[in-house]
Amino acid sequence: MAVTIRCLLTSPRQVAGMLYGLQLASEAQLRERPYPPLYRSGVRYVPEPYGQENWQIPSVTLQLRGGDCEDLAAWRAAELVVSGADPRARAVVKIVRPGLMHCIVLRGNGRREDPSRLLGMRDHGGPSRANGRLLLWAA
């Protein structure tokens, strides 16, 4: 089943809420059947065209062999939670600068992990170097 949600996210908090939902959906999928670990899956960071956002669960990211920051962060956080390696891992939104957000993983010990950078995102002094403010979805 394909699901399309059409919305205009106007604030970083809205993006954080959607990202939390994507992580939960990814956790559910990883519990249903085994998937390869993200970093050994052959998946790469693939940017989407400006203004286009397609949020993907792990099966879709694996099928396409790539995803952008929210897809990779949600998969990685979900696999850490489901495997028990880090039950407190969360996909979070990092505000790089006004109007620019980036999704990463916040580990339970406070360490930041950037799956996009580890899977091929070029470093242009943007999201992977910035120490922006983090937003978590608080239910």
Protein backbone atom coordinates (compact mmCIF):
# COMPACT_ATOMS: atom_id res chain seq x y z
CA MET A 1 0.00 0.00 0.00
CA ALA A 2 1.36 3.43 -0.91
CA VAL A 3 0.40 6.37 1.28
CA THR A 4 0.67 9.97 0.21
CA ILE A 5 0.41 12.78 2.72
CA ARG A 6 0.17 16.20 1.17
CA CYS A 7 0.99 19.00 3.54
CA LEU A 8 2.93 22.19 3.84
CA LEU A 9 5.25 21.98 6.82
CA THR A 10 5.74 25.53 7.99
CA SER A 11 7.79 25.04 11.13
CA PRO A 12 10.69 22.91 12.33
CA ARG A 13 8.44 21.48 15.08
CA GLN A 14 6.05 20.16 12.42
CA VAL A 15 8.98 18.51 10.63
CA ALA A 16 10.15 17.00 13.95
CA GLY A 17 6.66 15.53 14.51
CA MET A 18 6.57 14.00 11.03
CA LEU A 19 10.10 12.64 11.49
CA TYR A 20 9.08 10.94 14.73
CA GLY A 21 6.18 9.31 12.87
CA LEU A 22 8.56 8.11 10.15
CA GLN A 23 10.86 6.59 12.78
CA LEU A 24 7.92 4.77 14.41
CA ALA A 25 6.76 3.44 11.01
CA SER A 26 10.33 2.32 10.30
CA GLU A 27 10.53 0.56 13.67
CA ALA A 28 7.29 -1.29 12.90
CA GLN A 29 8.63 -2.41 9.54
CA LEU A 30 11.96 -3.58 10.99
CA ARG A 31 10.08 -5.63 13.60
CA GLU A 32 7.98 -7.34 10.92
CA ARG A 33 10.88 -8.79 8.92
CA PRO A 34 14.66 -8.57 8.85
CA TYR A 35 16.39 -5.91 6.78
CA PRO A 36 20.12 -5.48 6.36
CA PRO A 37 21.77 -2.94 8.65
CA LEU A 38 21.64 0.47 7.01
CA TYR A 39 25.41 0.88 6.72
CA ARG A 40 25.78 -2.55 5.05
CA SER A 41 22.69 -2.31 2.83
CA GLY A 42 24.30 -0.67 -0.20
CA VAL A 43 22.02 2.35 0.24
CA ARG A 44 23.58 5.76 -0.45
CA TYR A 45 22.62 9.33 0.32
CA VAL A 46 20.68 10.72 -2.65
CA PRO A 47 19.47 14.33 -2.46
CA GLU A 48 15.99 15.16 -3.67
CA PRO A 49 15.30 18.05 -6.03
CA TYR A 50 14.79 21.38 -4.26
CA GLY A 51 11.23 21.72 -2.98
CA GLN A 52 10.46 17.99 -3.30
CA GLU A 53 10.25 15.72 -0.27
CA ASN A 54 9.42 12.02 -0.47
CA TRP A 55 9.65 10.39 2.94
CA GLN A 56 10.45 6.67 2.75
CA ILE A 57 10.36 3.68 5.08
CA PRO A 58 13.32 1.26 4.90
CA SER A 59 11.80 -1.09 2.31
CA VAL A 60 11.37 1.76 -0.17
CA THR A 61 14.81 3.23 0.57
CA LEU A 62 16.35 -0.21 0.04
CA GLN A 63 14.42 -0.77 -3.20
CA LEU A 64 15.53 2.64 -4.55
CA ARG A 65 19.08 2.07 -3.21
CA GLY A 66 19.06 5.56 -1.73
CA GLY A 67 17.34 8.20 0.35
CA ASP A 68 17.92 11.63 1.77
CA CYS A 69 18.45 12.76 5.34
CA GLU A 70 15.05 11.98 6.89
CA ASP A 71 14.88 8.53 5.27
CA LEU A 72 18.36 7.57 6.46
CA ALA A 73 18.05 9.08 9.95
CA ALA A 74 14.68 7.38 10.57
CA TRP A 75 16.00 3.99 9.38
CA ARG A 76 19.17 4.23 11.47
CA ALA A 77 17.37 5.34 14.64
CA ALA A 78 14.76 2.62 14.14
CA GLU A 79 17.37 -0.11 13.69
CA LEU A 80 19.19 1.00 16.85
CA VAL A 81 15.94 0.89 18.84
CA VAL A 82 14.65 -2.40 17.40
CA SER A 83 17.99 -4.21 17.77
CA GLY A 84 18.32 -3.02 21.37
CA ALA A 85 21.72 -1.45 20.58
CA ASP A 86 20.39 1.96 21.63
CA PRO A 87 16.75 2.00 22.79
CA ARG A 88 16.88 5.79 23.26
CA ALA A 89 18.11 6.65 19.74
CA ARG A 90 15.96 9.25 17.99
CA ALA A 91 15.83 10.76 14.55
CA VAL A 92 15.93 14.51 15.16
CA VAL A 93 15.77 17.72 13.19
CA LYS A 94 18.85 19.92 13.30
CA ILE A 95 18.30 23.58 12.49
CA VAL A 96 21.37 24.51 10.50
CA ARG A 97 20.29 28.09 9.89
CA PRO A 98 16.92 29.77 9.37
CA GLY A 99 15.18 27.97 6.53
CA LEU A 100 17.62 25.02 6.45
CA MET A 101 16.99 21.84 8.43
CA HIS A 102 18.83 18.52 8.41
CA CYS A 103 17.84 15.18 9.97
CA ILE A 104 20.35 13.19 12.02
CA VAL A 105 20.33 10.59 14.79
CA LEU A 106 20.71 11.57 18.43
CA ARG A 107 22.09 8.59 20.33
CA GLY A 108 21.05 7.82 23.90
CA ASN A 109 24.45 8.99 25.18
CA GLY A 110 23.98 12.39 23.49
CA ARG A 111 26.30 11.67 20.56
CA ARG A 112 25.14 12.92 17.14
CA GLU A 113 25.34 10.52 14.19
CA ASP A 114 24.81 11.72 10.63
CA PRO A 115 23.86 8.79 8.35
CA SER A 116 23.68 11.11 5.34
CA ARG A 117 27.31 12.12 5.74
CA LEU A 118 28.38 8.53 6.38
CA LEU A 119 26.55 7.40 3.23
CA GLY A 120 27.93 9.94 0.79
CA MET A 121 26.51 13.41 1.42
CA ARG A 122 29.10 15.90 0.23
CA ASP A 123 30.36 18.31 2.82
CA HIS A 124 30.05 21.86 1.58
CA GLY A 125 30.30 23.36 5.05
CA GLY A 126 26.55 22.87 5.39
CA PRO A 127 24.58 20.40 7.47
CA SER A 128 27.35 17.96 8.32
CA ARG A 129 29.60 20.61 9.91
CA ALA A 130 27.05 22.86 11.56
CA ASN A 131 26.31 22.47 15.27
CA GLY A 132 22.72 23.58 14.96
CA ARG A 133 19.97 23.43 17.56
CA LEU A 134 18.22 20.04 17.78
CA LEU A 135 14.47 19.55 17.88
CA LEU A 136 12.89 16.37 19.21
CA TRP A 137 9.24 15.54 18.99
CA ALA A 138 7.85 15.34 22.51
CA ALA A 139 4.62 13.37 22.65
